[in-house]
Every structure is written in structure tokens, then in C-alpha cells.
N, C-alpha and C. Protein backbone atom coordinates (compact mmCIF):
# COMPACT_ATOMS: atom_id res chain seq x y z
N MET A 1 -58.97 17.91 36.35
CA MET A 1 -58.95 17.36 37.71
C MET A 1 -57.87 18.07 38.51
N VAL A 2 -58.16 18.41 39.76
CA VAL A 2 -57.24 19.16 40.61
C VAL A 2 -56.80 18.27 41.78
N VAL A 3 -55.49 18.17 41.98
CA VAL A 3 -54.94 17.34 43.05
C VAL A 3 -54.05 18.19 43.94
N ASP A 4 -54.43 18.32 45.21
CA ASP A 4 -53.63 19.06 46.19
C ASP A 4 -54.06 18.61 47.58
N ASP A 5 -53.11 18.53 48.50
CA ASP A 5 -53.45 18.01 49.83
C ASP A 5 -54.01 19.09 50.76
N HIS A 6 -53.99 20.34 50.35
CA HIS A 6 -54.56 21.42 51.17
C HIS A 6 -55.98 21.72 50.67
N PRO A 7 -57.01 21.39 51.47
CA PRO A 7 -58.40 21.54 51.00
C PRO A 7 -58.75 22.95 50.53
N MET A 8 -58.33 23.98 51.26
CA MET A 8 -58.69 25.35 50.87
C MET A 8 -58.05 25.73 49.55
N TRP A 9 -56.79 25.36 49.37
CA TRP A 9 -56.09 25.66 48.10
C TRP A 9 -56.73 24.87 46.96
N ARG A 10 -57.00 23.58 47.22
CA ARG A 10 -57.60 22.72 46.19
C ARG A 10 -58.95 23.28 45.74
N ASP A 11 -59.77 23.67 46.71
CA ASP A 11 -61.09 24.21 46.38
C ASP A 11 -60.98 25.54 45.63
N ALA A 12 -60.00 26.35 46.02
CA ALA A 12 -59.83 27.65 45.36
C ALA A 12 -59.40 27.47 43.90
N VAL A 13 -58.49 26.55 43.65
CA VAL A 13 -58.04 26.28 42.28
C VAL A 13 -59.20 25.75 41.44
N ALA A 14 -59.95 24.81 42.01
CA ALA A 14 -61.09 24.25 41.28
C ALA A 14 -62.12 25.35 40.98
N ARG A 15 -62.33 26.23 41.94
CA ARG A 15 -63.30 27.32 41.74
C ARG A 15 -62.82 28.29 40.66
N ASP A 16 -61.53 28.64 40.70
CA ASP A 16 -60.99 29.55 39.69
C ASP A 16 -61.08 28.95 38.29
N LEU A 17 -60.79 27.66 38.17
CA LEU A 17 -60.86 27.01 36.86
C LEU A 17 -62.30 26.90 36.38
N GLY A 18 -63.21 26.63 37.30
CA GLY A 18 -64.63 26.60 36.93
C GLY A 18 -65.10 27.95 36.43
N ALA A 19 -64.66 29.02 37.12
CA ALA A 19 -65.04 30.37 36.71
C ALA A 19 -64.45 30.75 35.36
N ALA A 20 -63.32 30.10 35.00
CA ALA A 20 -62.68 30.37 33.71
C ALA A 20 -63.28 29.55 32.58
N GLY A 21 -64.27 28.72 32.91
CA GLY A 21 -64.97 27.96 31.87
C GLY A 21 -64.59 26.50 31.75
N PHE A 22 -63.74 26.01 32.64
CA PHE A 22 -63.35 24.60 32.61
C PHE A 22 -64.33 23.76 33.43
N GLU A 23 -64.48 22.52 33.06
CA GLU A 23 -65.26 21.58 33.85
C GLU A 23 -64.31 20.79 34.74
N VAL A 24 -64.38 21.00 36.03
CA VAL A 24 -63.56 20.25 36.98
C VAL A 24 -64.30 18.96 37.31
N VAL A 25 -63.80 17.84 36.79
CA VAL A 25 -64.53 16.58 36.89
C VAL A 25 -64.25 15.85 38.19
N ALA A 26 -63.15 16.20 38.89
CA ALA A 26 -62.83 15.54 40.15
C ALA A 26 -61.73 16.31 40.86
N THR A 27 -61.60 16.06 42.15
CA THR A 27 -60.47 16.55 42.93
C THR A 27 -59.96 15.39 43.78
N ALA A 28 -58.74 15.54 44.28
CA ALA A 28 -58.17 14.52 45.16
C ALA A 28 -57.18 15.17 46.10
N GLY A 29 -57.00 14.56 47.28
CA GLY A 29 -56.15 15.15 48.30
C GLY A 29 -54.91 14.36 48.64
N ASP A 30 -54.74 13.18 48.02
CA ASP A 30 -53.51 12.41 48.24
C ASP A 30 -53.16 11.63 46.98
N GLY A 31 -51.97 11.04 46.95
CA GLY A 31 -51.48 10.38 45.75
C GLY A 31 -52.31 9.19 45.30
N PRO A 32 -52.54 8.20 46.17
CA PRO A 32 -53.32 7.03 45.75
C PRO A 32 -54.73 7.40 45.29
N GLN A 33 -55.37 8.33 45.99
CA GLN A 33 -56.70 8.79 45.59
C GLN A 33 -56.66 9.45 44.21
N ALA A 34 -55.60 10.21 43.96
CA ALA A 34 -55.45 10.87 42.67
C ALA A 34 -55.37 9.86 41.53
N VAL A 35 -54.59 8.81 41.71
CA VAL A 35 -54.44 7.78 40.68
C VAL A 35 -55.78 7.09 40.42
N ARG A 36 -56.47 6.70 41.50
CA ARG A 36 -57.75 6.00 41.35
C ARG A 36 -58.78 6.87 40.63
N ARG A 37 -58.91 8.10 41.08
CA ARG A 37 -59.95 8.96 40.51
C ARG A 37 -59.63 9.37 39.08
N ALA A 38 -58.37 9.62 38.80
CA ALA A 38 -58.00 9.99 37.43
C ALA A 38 -58.28 8.85 36.47
N ARG A 39 -58.00 7.64 36.88
CA ARG A 39 -58.28 6.49 36.02
C ARG A 39 -59.78 6.28 35.84
N ALA A 40 -60.56 6.70 36.83
CA ALA A 40 -62.02 6.54 36.74
C ALA A 40 -62.66 7.62 35.86
N VAL A 41 -62.25 8.87 36.04
CA VAL A 41 -62.93 9.97 35.33
C VAL A 41 -62.22 10.40 34.06
N ARG A 42 -60.96 9.99 33.88
CA ARG A 42 -60.17 10.28 32.67
C ARG A 42 -60.21 11.76 32.28
N PRO A 43 -59.65 12.63 33.10
CA PRO A 43 -59.63 14.06 32.75
C PRO A 43 -58.68 14.32 31.59
N ASP A 44 -58.92 15.42 30.90
CA ASP A 44 -58.00 15.84 29.84
C ASP A 44 -56.71 16.41 30.42
N VAL A 45 -56.86 17.16 31.51
CA VAL A 45 -55.70 17.80 32.16
C VAL A 45 -55.75 17.52 33.65
N LEU A 46 -54.60 17.17 34.21
CA LEU A 46 -54.47 16.97 35.64
C LEU A 46 -53.60 18.10 36.20
N VAL A 47 -54.18 18.93 37.06
CA VAL A 47 -53.42 19.98 37.74
C VAL A 47 -52.94 19.38 39.06
N LEU A 48 -51.64 19.20 39.18
CA LEU A 48 -51.07 18.30 40.19
C LEU A 48 -50.03 18.99 41.08
N ASP A 49 -50.24 18.89 42.39
CA ASP A 49 -49.21 19.30 43.35
C ASP A 49 -48.21 18.16 43.49
N LEU A 50 -46.96 18.49 43.80
CA LEU A 50 -45.93 17.46 43.95
C LEU A 50 -45.88 16.89 45.36
N ASN A 51 -46.17 17.70 46.36
CA ASN A 51 -46.04 17.28 47.74
C ASN A 51 -47.35 16.68 48.22
N LEU A 52 -47.50 15.36 48.02
CA LEU A 52 -48.75 14.68 48.36
C LEU A 52 -48.49 13.55 49.35
N PRO A 53 -49.41 13.32 50.29
CA PRO A 53 -49.28 12.16 51.17
C PRO A 53 -49.63 10.87 50.42
N GLY A 54 -49.02 9.79 50.83
CA GLY A 54 -49.36 8.48 50.28
C GLY A 54 -48.57 8.10 49.05
N LEU A 55 -48.36 9.05 48.17
CA LEU A 55 -47.63 8.81 46.92
C LEU A 55 -47.17 10.16 46.39
N PRO A 56 -45.88 10.34 46.14
CA PRO A 56 -45.40 11.65 45.66
C PRO A 56 -46.05 12.04 44.33
N GLY A 57 -46.18 13.35 44.13
CA GLY A 57 -46.80 13.83 42.89
C GLY A 57 -46.08 13.36 41.65
N ALA A 58 -44.74 13.29 41.69
CA ALA A 58 -43.99 12.83 40.51
C ALA A 58 -44.34 11.39 40.16
N GLU A 59 -44.58 10.57 41.18
CA GLU A 59 -44.96 9.18 40.91
C GLU A 59 -46.38 9.09 40.38
N VAL A 60 -47.26 9.95 40.89
CA VAL A 60 -48.62 10.02 40.35
C VAL A 60 -48.55 10.37 38.86
N CYS A 61 -47.74 11.35 38.54
CA CYS A 61 -47.56 11.77 37.15
C CYS A 61 -47.03 10.61 36.31
N ARG A 62 -46.04 9.91 36.83
CA ARG A 62 -45.42 8.80 36.10
C ARG A 62 -46.44 7.71 35.79
N ARG A 63 -47.32 7.45 36.75
CA ARG A 63 -48.32 6.38 36.57
C ARG A 63 -49.44 6.76 35.63
N LEU A 64 -49.72 8.07 35.51
CA LEU A 64 -50.88 8.50 34.74
C LEU A 64 -50.56 9.12 33.38
N ALA A 65 -49.49 9.86 33.29
CA ALA A 65 -49.22 10.61 32.05
C ALA A 65 -48.89 9.69 30.91
N GLY A 66 -49.71 9.72 29.89
CA GLY A 66 -49.47 8.90 28.71
C GLY A 66 -49.75 7.43 28.90
N ALA A 67 -50.32 7.07 30.06
CA ALA A 67 -50.58 5.64 30.33
C ALA A 67 -51.94 5.25 29.82
N PRO A 68 -52.05 4.18 28.98
CA PRO A 68 -53.35 3.74 28.52
C PRO A 68 -54.18 3.22 29.67
N GLY A 69 -55.46 3.32 29.56
CA GLY A 69 -56.30 2.77 30.61
C GLY A 69 -57.76 3.02 30.33
N ALA A 70 -58.60 2.05 30.70
CA ALA A 70 -60.06 2.17 30.60
C ALA A 70 -60.51 2.62 29.22
N GLY A 71 -59.84 2.11 28.18
CA GLY A 71 -60.24 2.43 26.82
C GLY A 71 -59.65 3.71 26.30
N ALA A 72 -58.91 4.45 27.12
CA ALA A 72 -58.31 5.70 26.66
C ALA A 72 -56.99 5.41 25.96
N GLU A 73 -56.70 6.19 24.93
CA GLU A 73 -55.45 6.01 24.20
C GLU A 73 -54.26 6.46 25.04
N GLN A 74 -54.46 7.46 25.87
CA GLN A 74 -53.37 7.94 26.71
C GLN A 74 -53.96 8.56 27.95
N GLY A 75 -53.11 8.75 28.95
CA GLY A 75 -53.56 9.37 30.17
C GLY A 75 -53.68 10.87 30.01
N PRO A 76 -53.99 11.57 31.10
CA PRO A 76 -54.15 13.03 31.02
C PRO A 76 -52.82 13.73 30.79
N ARG A 77 -52.89 14.93 30.24
CA ARG A 77 -51.72 15.80 30.25
C ARG A 77 -51.61 16.42 31.64
N VAL A 78 -50.41 16.51 32.15
CA VAL A 78 -50.21 16.93 33.53
C VAL A 78 -49.57 18.32 33.59
N LEU A 79 -50.23 19.22 34.32
CA LEU A 79 -49.67 20.52 34.64
C LEU A 79 -49.36 20.53 36.12
N VAL A 80 -48.08 20.54 36.48
CA VAL A 80 -47.70 20.61 37.88
C VAL A 80 -47.91 22.02 38.39
N LEU A 81 -48.56 22.13 39.55
CA LEU A 81 -48.76 23.42 40.22
C LEU A 81 -48.17 23.27 41.61
N SER A 82 -46.97 23.78 41.80
CA SER A 82 -46.21 23.50 43.02
C SER A 82 -45.68 24.76 43.66
N ALA A 83 -45.46 24.70 44.96
CA ALA A 83 -44.82 25.81 45.67
C ALA A 83 -43.33 25.85 45.39
N SER A 84 -42.79 24.75 44.89
CA SER A 84 -41.35 24.65 44.66
C SER A 84 -40.97 25.02 43.23
N GLY A 85 -39.91 25.83 43.11
CA GLY A 85 -39.34 26.10 41.80
C GLY A 85 -37.94 25.57 41.72
N GLU A 86 -37.61 24.60 42.58
CA GLU A 86 -36.26 24.04 42.62
C GLU A 86 -35.99 23.19 41.38
N GLN A 87 -34.75 23.27 40.90
CA GLN A 87 -34.36 22.55 39.69
C GLN A 87 -34.67 21.06 39.78
N GLU A 88 -34.34 20.45 40.90
CA GLU A 88 -34.55 19.01 41.05
C GLU A 88 -36.01 18.63 40.90
N ASP A 89 -36.91 19.42 41.51
CA ASP A 89 -38.34 19.13 41.43
C ASP A 89 -38.86 19.31 40.01
N VAL A 90 -38.42 20.38 39.35
CA VAL A 90 -38.89 20.65 37.98
C VAL A 90 -38.45 19.53 37.04
N LEU A 91 -37.18 19.16 37.09
CA LEU A 91 -36.67 18.13 36.18
C LEU A 91 -37.30 16.77 36.47
N GLU A 92 -37.52 16.46 37.75
CA GLU A 92 -38.15 15.19 38.09
C GLU A 92 -39.57 15.12 37.52
N ALA A 93 -40.30 16.24 37.60
CA ALA A 93 -41.66 16.27 37.08
C ALA A 93 -41.68 16.09 35.57
N VAL A 94 -40.78 16.77 34.87
CA VAL A 94 -40.73 16.66 33.41
C VAL A 94 -40.35 15.24 33.00
N LYS A 95 -39.37 14.66 33.69
CA LYS A 95 -38.97 13.30 33.37
C LYS A 95 -40.08 12.30 33.66
N ALA A 96 -40.96 12.63 34.61
CA ALA A 96 -42.09 11.76 34.94
C ALA A 96 -43.22 11.88 33.92
N GLY A 97 -43.13 12.89 33.02
CA GLY A 97 -44.13 13.02 31.97
C GLY A 97 -44.97 14.28 32.01
N ALA A 98 -44.67 15.20 32.93
CA ALA A 98 -45.45 16.44 33.01
C ALA A 98 -45.27 17.27 31.74
N THR A 99 -46.36 17.85 31.27
CA THR A 99 -46.30 18.73 30.10
C THR A 99 -45.85 20.13 30.50
N GLY A 100 -46.23 20.56 31.71
CA GLY A 100 -45.87 21.90 32.14
C GLY A 100 -45.65 21.98 33.64
N TYR A 101 -45.11 23.13 34.08
CA TYR A 101 -44.79 23.31 35.50
C TYR A 101 -44.99 24.78 35.84
N LEU A 102 -45.89 25.02 36.79
CA LEU A 102 -46.23 26.38 37.21
C LEU A 102 -46.04 26.47 38.72
N VAL A 103 -45.47 27.56 39.20
CA VAL A 103 -45.37 27.74 40.64
C VAL A 103 -46.64 28.40 41.16
N LYS A 104 -46.89 28.21 42.46
CA LYS A 104 -48.17 28.63 43.02
C LYS A 104 -48.32 30.14 43.16
N SER A 105 -47.27 30.88 42.87
CA SER A 105 -47.39 32.34 42.87
C SER A 105 -48.09 32.85 41.61
N ALA A 106 -48.40 31.96 40.67
CA ALA A 106 -49.09 32.36 39.43
C ALA A 106 -50.49 32.88 39.75
N SER A 107 -50.95 33.80 38.93
CA SER A 107 -52.30 34.34 39.10
C SER A 107 -53.34 33.36 38.55
N ALA A 108 -54.60 33.61 38.88
CA ALA A 108 -55.69 32.77 38.37
C ALA A 108 -55.72 32.82 36.84
N GLU A 109 -55.46 34.00 36.28
CA GLU A 109 -55.45 34.13 34.82
C GLU A 109 -54.30 33.33 34.20
N GLU A 110 -53.13 33.37 34.83
CA GLU A 110 -51.99 32.61 34.33
C GLU A 110 -52.25 31.12 34.42
N LEU A 111 -52.89 30.68 35.49
CA LEU A 111 -53.24 29.26 35.63
C LEU A 111 -54.21 28.83 34.55
N ALA A 112 -55.25 29.62 34.31
CA ALA A 112 -56.24 29.27 33.29
C ALA A 112 -55.58 29.17 31.92
N GLU A 113 -54.72 30.11 31.58
CA GLU A 113 -54.03 30.07 30.29
C GLU A 113 -53.11 28.86 30.22
N ALA A 114 -52.44 28.52 31.33
CA ALA A 114 -51.56 27.36 31.35
C ALA A 114 -52.34 26.07 31.14
N VAL A 115 -53.53 25.98 31.71
CA VAL A 115 -54.37 24.79 31.52
C VAL A 115 -54.80 24.68 30.06
N ARG A 116 -55.19 25.81 29.47
CA ARG A 116 -55.59 25.79 28.05
C ARG A 116 -54.44 25.30 27.17
N ARG A 117 -53.25 25.83 27.41
CA ARG A 117 -52.10 25.45 26.59
C ARG A 117 -51.70 24.00 26.85
N THR A 118 -51.78 23.56 28.10
CA THR A 118 -51.47 22.17 28.41
C THR A 118 -52.42 21.23 27.70
N ALA A 119 -53.70 21.59 27.68
CA ALA A 119 -54.70 20.76 26.99
C ALA A 119 -54.37 20.62 25.51
N GLY A 120 -53.74 21.66 24.94
CA GLY A 120 -53.36 21.62 23.53
C GLY A 120 -52.01 20.97 23.28
N GLY A 121 -51.34 20.54 24.35
CA GLY A 121 -50.06 19.86 24.19
C GLY A 121 -48.85 20.76 24.21
N ASP A 122 -49.05 22.05 24.51
CA ASP A 122 -47.92 22.98 24.57
C ASP A 122 -47.21 22.88 25.91
N PRO A 123 -45.89 22.77 25.93
CA PRO A 123 -45.16 22.83 27.21
C PRO A 123 -45.33 24.22 27.82
N VAL A 124 -45.69 24.28 29.09
CA VAL A 124 -45.92 25.55 29.78
C VAL A 124 -45.08 25.57 31.04
N PHE A 125 -44.27 26.62 31.19
CA PHE A 125 -43.42 26.73 32.37
C PHE A 125 -43.46 28.15 32.91
N THR A 126 -43.41 28.25 34.25
CA THR A 126 -43.19 29.55 34.87
C THR A 126 -41.93 30.17 34.27
N PRO A 127 -41.93 31.47 33.96
CA PRO A 127 -40.75 32.09 33.36
C PRO A 127 -39.46 31.73 34.10
N GLY A 128 -38.46 31.33 33.34
CA GLY A 128 -37.18 30.93 33.92
C GLY A 128 -37.01 29.43 34.01
N LEU A 129 -38.12 28.70 34.15
CA LEU A 129 -38.02 27.26 34.30
C LEU A 129 -37.83 26.56 32.96
N ALA A 130 -38.37 27.13 31.88
CA ALA A 130 -38.20 26.51 30.56
C ALA A 130 -36.72 26.45 30.20
N GLY A 131 -36.00 27.54 30.47
CA GLY A 131 -34.57 27.55 30.19
C GLY A 131 -33.82 26.52 31.00
N LEU A 132 -34.27 26.31 32.23
CA LEU A 132 -33.65 25.30 33.08
C LEU A 132 -33.80 23.91 32.47
N VAL A 133 -35.02 23.60 32.00
CA VAL A 133 -35.27 22.28 31.41
C VAL A 133 -34.48 22.10 30.12
N LEU A 134 -34.48 23.12 29.26
CA LEU A 134 -33.73 23.02 28.01
C LEU A 134 -32.24 22.90 28.28
N GLY A 135 -31.76 23.62 29.30
CA GLY A 135 -30.35 23.52 29.65
C GLY A 135 -29.97 22.12 30.09
N GLU A 136 -30.85 21.46 30.82
CA GLU A 136 -30.57 20.09 31.24
C GLU A 136 -30.54 19.15 30.05
N TYR A 137 -31.46 19.35 29.10
CA TYR A 137 -31.45 18.50 27.91
C TYR A 137 -30.18 18.71 27.10
N ARG A 138 -29.71 19.96 27.02
CA ARG A 138 -28.46 20.21 26.30
C ARG A 138 -27.29 19.52 27.00
N ARG A 139 -27.31 19.53 28.33
CA ARG A 139 -26.23 18.86 29.08
C ARG A 139 -26.24 17.37 28.81
N LEU A 140 -27.44 16.78 28.83
CA LEU A 140 -27.55 15.35 28.59
C LEU A 140 -27.17 14.98 27.16
N ALA A 141 -27.36 15.95 26.27
CA ALA A 141 -27.09 15.69 24.85
C ALA A 141 -25.73 16.23 24.42
N SER A 142 -24.81 16.42 25.37
CA SER A 142 -23.52 17.04 25.05
C SER A 142 -22.69 16.18 24.11
N GLY A 143 -22.93 14.86 24.11
CA GLY A 143 -22.24 13.99 23.15
C GLY A 143 -23.12 13.78 21.94
N PRO A 144 -22.54 13.40 20.78
CA PRO A 144 -23.35 13.17 19.58
C PRO A 144 -24.27 11.99 19.78
N PRO A 145 -25.53 12.08 19.36
CA PRO A 145 -26.46 10.98 19.53
C PRO A 145 -26.04 9.77 18.71
N PRO A 146 -26.33 8.56 19.24
CA PRO A 146 -25.96 7.35 18.52
C PRO A 146 -26.57 7.32 17.13
N GLY A 147 -25.74 6.97 16.14
CA GLY A 147 -26.24 6.81 14.79
C GLY A 147 -26.49 8.10 14.06
N SER A 148 -26.15 9.25 14.70
CA SER A 148 -26.43 10.52 14.04
C SER A 148 -25.35 10.91 13.06
N GLY A 149 -24.15 10.33 13.22
CA GLY A 149 -23.04 10.69 12.35
C GLY A 149 -22.57 12.11 12.56
N GLY A 150 -23.07 12.75 13.65
CA GLY A 150 -22.63 14.11 13.95
C GLY A 150 -23.28 15.16 13.08
N GLY A 151 -24.14 14.76 12.14
CA GLY A 151 -24.75 15.74 11.24
C GLY A 151 -26.05 16.27 11.79
N LEU A 152 -26.58 17.30 11.12
CA LEU A 152 -27.81 17.91 11.57
C LEU A 152 -28.98 17.54 10.68
N GLU A 153 -28.75 16.66 9.73
CA GLU A 153 -29.82 16.29 8.81
C GLU A 153 -30.85 15.41 9.52
N VAL A 154 -32.09 15.56 9.13
CA VAL A 154 -33.16 14.71 9.63
C VAL A 154 -33.84 14.09 8.41
N PRO A 155 -33.22 13.06 7.80
CA PRO A 155 -33.67 12.57 6.51
C PRO A 155 -35.07 11.97 6.52
N GLN A 156 -35.55 11.55 7.69
CA GLN A 156 -36.87 10.93 7.74
C GLN A 156 -37.99 11.93 7.55
N LEU A 157 -37.70 13.21 7.76
CA LEU A 157 -38.74 14.23 7.77
C LEU A 157 -38.75 15.05 6.49
N THR A 158 -39.93 15.58 6.17
CA THR A 158 -40.03 16.50 5.04
C THR A 158 -39.41 17.84 5.43
N GLU A 159 -39.21 18.68 4.44
CA GLU A 159 -38.64 20.00 4.71
C GLU A 159 -39.53 20.80 5.66
N ARG A 160 -40.84 20.75 5.46
CA ARG A 160 -41.75 21.50 6.32
C ARG A 160 -41.79 20.92 7.73
N GLU A 161 -41.76 19.59 7.84
CA GLU A 161 -41.74 18.97 9.17
C GLU A 161 -40.48 19.37 9.94
N THR A 162 -39.35 19.42 9.24
CA THR A 162 -38.10 19.83 9.88
C THR A 162 -38.17 21.29 10.31
N GLU A 163 -38.80 22.12 9.48
CA GLU A 163 -38.96 23.54 9.80
C GLU A 163 -39.81 23.71 11.05
N VAL A 164 -40.91 22.97 11.13
CA VAL A 164 -41.77 23.02 12.31
C VAL A 164 -41.01 22.52 13.54
N LEU A 165 -40.23 21.46 13.37
CA LEU A 165 -39.45 20.91 14.48
C LEU A 165 -38.47 21.93 15.03
N ARG A 166 -37.81 22.68 14.16
CA ARG A 166 -36.87 23.72 14.61
C ARG A 166 -37.60 24.76 15.48
N LEU A 167 -38.80 25.15 15.07
CA LEU A 167 -39.54 26.17 15.81
C LEU A 167 -40.07 25.62 17.13
N VAL A 168 -40.46 24.35 17.14
CA VAL A 168 -40.85 23.70 18.40
C VAL A 168 -39.69 23.72 19.38
N ALA A 169 -38.49 23.42 18.88
CA ALA A 169 -37.30 23.37 19.73
C ALA A 169 -36.94 24.74 20.28
N LYS A 170 -37.33 25.80 19.57
CA LYS A 170 -37.06 27.16 20.05
C LYS A 170 -38.08 27.62 21.09
N GLY A 171 -39.09 26.78 21.36
CA GLY A 171 -40.06 27.10 22.40
C GLY A 171 -41.31 27.80 21.92
N LEU A 172 -41.53 27.90 20.60
CA LEU A 172 -42.72 28.56 20.09
C LEU A 172 -43.95 27.68 20.30
N THR A 173 -45.09 28.29 20.55
CA THR A 173 -46.35 27.57 20.65
C THR A 173 -46.84 27.20 19.25
N TYR A 174 -47.81 26.31 19.17
CA TYR A 174 -48.37 25.94 17.87
C TYR A 174 -48.93 27.17 17.17
N ARG A 175 -49.59 28.05 17.94
CA ARG A 175 -50.18 29.25 17.34
C ARG A 175 -49.09 30.16 16.78
N GLN A 176 -48.01 30.32 17.51
CA GLN A 176 -46.90 31.16 17.03
C GLN A 176 -46.25 30.56 15.79
N ILE A 177 -46.11 29.23 15.77
CA ILE A 177 -45.55 28.56 14.60
C ILE A 177 -46.45 28.76 13.39
N ALA A 178 -47.76 28.64 13.61
CA ALA A 178 -48.72 28.83 12.52
C ALA A 178 -48.61 30.24 11.95
N ASP A 179 -48.50 31.23 12.83
CA ASP A 179 -48.37 32.61 12.37
C ASP A 179 -47.05 32.82 11.62
N ARG A 180 -45.98 32.23 12.14
CA ARG A 180 -44.66 32.40 11.51
C ARG A 180 -44.63 31.80 10.10
N LEU A 181 -45.25 30.62 9.95
CA LEU A 181 -45.19 29.91 8.66
C LEU A 181 -46.40 30.18 7.77
N VAL A 182 -47.33 30.98 8.28
CA VAL A 182 -48.56 31.32 7.55
C VAL A 182 -49.30 30.05 7.14
N ILE A 183 -49.52 29.19 8.14
CA ILE A 183 -50.32 27.99 7.95
C ILE A 183 -51.29 27.91 9.13
N SER A 184 -52.22 26.97 9.08
CA SER A 184 -53.22 26.88 10.14
C SER A 184 -52.66 26.18 11.37
N HIS A 185 -53.30 26.46 12.51
CA HIS A 185 -52.94 25.80 13.78
C HIS A 185 -53.07 24.29 13.62
N ARG A 186 -54.13 23.83 12.95
CA ARG A 186 -54.36 22.39 12.75
C ARG A 186 -53.25 21.77 11.91
N THR A 187 -52.77 22.49 10.89
CA THR A 187 -51.68 21.98 10.06
C THR A 187 -50.42 21.78 10.89
N VAL A 188 -50.13 22.73 11.79
CA VAL A 188 -48.96 22.60 12.66
C VAL A 188 -49.10 21.35 13.53
N GLN A 189 -50.29 21.15 14.12
CA GLN A 189 -50.52 19.97 14.94
C GLN A 189 -50.31 18.69 14.14
N ASN A 190 -50.79 18.68 12.90
CA ASN A 190 -50.63 17.49 12.05
C ASN A 190 -49.15 17.22 11.77
N HIS A 191 -48.38 18.28 11.49
CA HIS A 191 -46.94 18.09 11.25
C HIS A 191 -46.26 17.52 12.49
N VAL A 192 -46.63 18.03 13.66
CA VAL A 192 -46.01 17.55 14.90
C VAL A 192 -46.38 16.08 15.13
N GLN A 193 -47.65 15.73 14.93
CA GLN A 193 -48.07 14.34 15.12
C GLN A 193 -47.37 13.41 14.13
N ASN A 194 -47.24 13.85 12.87
CA ASN A 194 -46.54 13.04 11.88
C ASN A 194 -45.08 12.84 12.27
N THR A 195 -44.46 13.91 12.77
CA THR A 195 -43.06 13.84 13.17
C THR A 195 -42.87 12.90 14.35
N LEU A 196 -43.77 12.99 15.33
CA LEU A 196 -43.71 12.08 16.48
C LEU A 196 -43.80 10.63 16.01
N GLY A 197 -44.71 10.37 15.07
CA GLY A 197 -44.86 9.01 14.56
C GLY A 197 -43.63 8.51 13.83
N LYS A 198 -43.07 9.36 12.99
CA LYS A 198 -41.88 8.95 12.22
C LYS A 198 -40.68 8.68 13.12
N LEU A 199 -40.54 9.50 14.17
CA LEU A 199 -39.37 9.37 15.05
C LEU A 199 -39.63 8.43 16.22
N GLN A 200 -40.86 7.89 16.28
CA GLN A 200 -41.24 6.96 17.35
C GLN A 200 -41.06 7.62 18.72
N LEU A 201 -41.51 8.87 18.82
CA LEU A 201 -41.49 9.59 20.08
C LEU A 201 -42.93 9.71 20.58
N HIS A 202 -43.09 10.09 21.87
CA HIS A 202 -44.42 10.03 22.46
C HIS A 202 -44.92 11.35 23.03
N SER A 203 -44.09 12.37 23.06
CA SER A 203 -44.53 13.64 23.63
C SER A 203 -43.75 14.79 23.02
N ARG A 204 -44.28 15.99 23.21
CA ARG A 204 -43.58 17.17 22.69
C ARG A 204 -42.26 17.39 23.43
N VAL A 205 -42.21 17.04 24.70
CA VAL A 205 -40.96 17.16 25.45
C VAL A 205 -39.86 16.30 24.81
N GLU A 206 -40.20 15.06 24.44
CA GLU A 206 -39.23 14.17 23.78
C GLU A 206 -38.82 14.75 22.43
N LEU A 207 -39.77 15.38 21.75
CA LEU A 207 -39.49 15.97 20.44
C LEU A 207 -38.50 17.12 20.59
N VAL A 208 -38.69 17.95 21.62
CA VAL A 208 -37.75 19.05 21.87
C VAL A 208 -36.36 18.50 22.15
N ARG A 209 -36.28 17.47 22.95
CA ARG A 209 -34.97 16.89 23.25
C ARG A 209 -34.30 16.36 21.98
N TYR A 210 -35.08 15.69 21.13
CA TYR A 210 -34.54 15.16 19.87
C TYR A 210 -33.95 16.29 19.03
N ALA A 211 -34.68 17.41 18.96
CA ALA A 211 -34.22 18.54 18.14
C ALA A 211 -32.96 19.16 18.73
N ILE A 212 -32.92 19.28 20.06
CA ILE A 212 -31.76 19.88 20.71
C ILE A 212 -30.53 19.00 20.52
N GLU A 213 -30.71 17.68 20.58
CA GLU A 213 -29.59 16.76 20.38
C GLU A 213 -28.93 16.98 19.01
N ARG A 214 -29.72 17.44 18.06
CA ARG A 214 -29.21 17.64 16.70
C ARG A 214 -28.92 19.11 16.40
N GLY A 215 -29.00 19.94 17.43
CA GLY A 215 -28.67 21.35 17.26
C GLY A 215 -29.69 22.15 16.48
N LEU A 216 -30.90 21.62 16.31
CA LEU A 216 -31.88 22.32 15.49
C LEU A 216 -32.41 23.58 16.16
N ASP A 217 -32.28 23.67 17.49
CA ASP A 217 -32.79 24.85 18.19
C ASP A 217 -31.89 26.07 18.00
N THR A 218 -30.69 25.88 17.49
CA THR A 218 -29.76 27.01 17.33
C THR A 218 -29.68 27.47 15.89
N GLU A 219 -30.42 26.84 14.99
CA GLU A 219 -30.33 27.21 13.57
C GLU A 219 -31.21 28.41 13.27
């Protein structure tokens, strides 16, 4: 589903995604309409502009991302497609639940690849923005996490789950992790889902933050 308040841009994005093999199930031009239609059609991925009339894009994301509804276990994964690359906008979108953030200078091919990766649960960011997000998480995690004892051990996880977690924290995709560990893409996904369940986390972004808090991204 594509959400943007500029009709020509919205139609062009929908057309490019259709040409890339995606089924665009709906479009919307303002925030309230986006929430209503997304809840009705339940898209897998929501390509969302932040600057929307009626309801800001970050609030649309907050209401839909990971939210149960109409029999769905979770809401759509959100890929923000915005003209802004400002730190405040990027961090607000991620905190609202966005899986990825792309600026509108991206090519049609980059957008299509970003949608594919978002659908698979991979965080996708315009180059330079991923470091910004990770840097903010490191700042927030500058003190030792409660109950961690200052150590880097993750006793709840198996050795392989911890190994996968370290690679997730370094920003590798599931496919890259699979190649690095010589296991299947599906096995990596299973390890990540098991880890999320054990740690009572709900998204890959939260998982990355958990790993960074424990210094696993620097090992």
C-alpha cells in the first residue's frame, strides 16, 4: 500500500512497484484515510510518507505497525519514503515502529529492493541513516542495562542464537548471515524468531537495540 499526499508522486510509486512485480492493494492521500484503508486491506508493506494532512505519518505508523486488527496477528511492516533525511524525522519514524527509511531521491530499483527487504523484516535505510539510528541507540544505552550485571553474557540464548544476534546487531541481512554461517535463510529467520520470543521483544529494531546495550555489535 502506498501513502503520499501528492497524487502524481503516489501514482508514480504505485506504478513503479507494480512494474517490479508487487501487488499494490491500495493507496491513500492523507493520514486518517491511510489508517482506515490499511486496516481494511491489511497490506504486507506500507510505503509511507511522513508529511501527511489530517494525521502525521509517524502517528499513522504508530497506529498500524505491529498492531493487531481484523484477525491479523500484526500490522504491516512500514517503509518510510520521505523527502526528509533529518535526524529527528528518522528517529521518530523508527520509534513509531518503521522497519526502514528511504529518502525520495532513491531510484525505482532501490525502492523495489527496499520493499522486498522490508517485507522480509530486514531494516532498510538510505546510506548514512542506519549509522544515525544505531548511534542514537548507543547513546540511549550508555548506562548498563538493568539487571545485566554489566556482563555481555546472554544466558537465555543458545550459542548459535547469540551468534546470529551479534550479526544482526552489525547490520547484516538474513541472507548475509546465512552465507556467513553456512546455514539456510529460513534457519536464520527461525533463530531470530526464537530469540525475539525468549527476550520478549517484538521487532528486529528492538533486537538490535538489545544487542547494542550488551555490546554484542562490537565483538
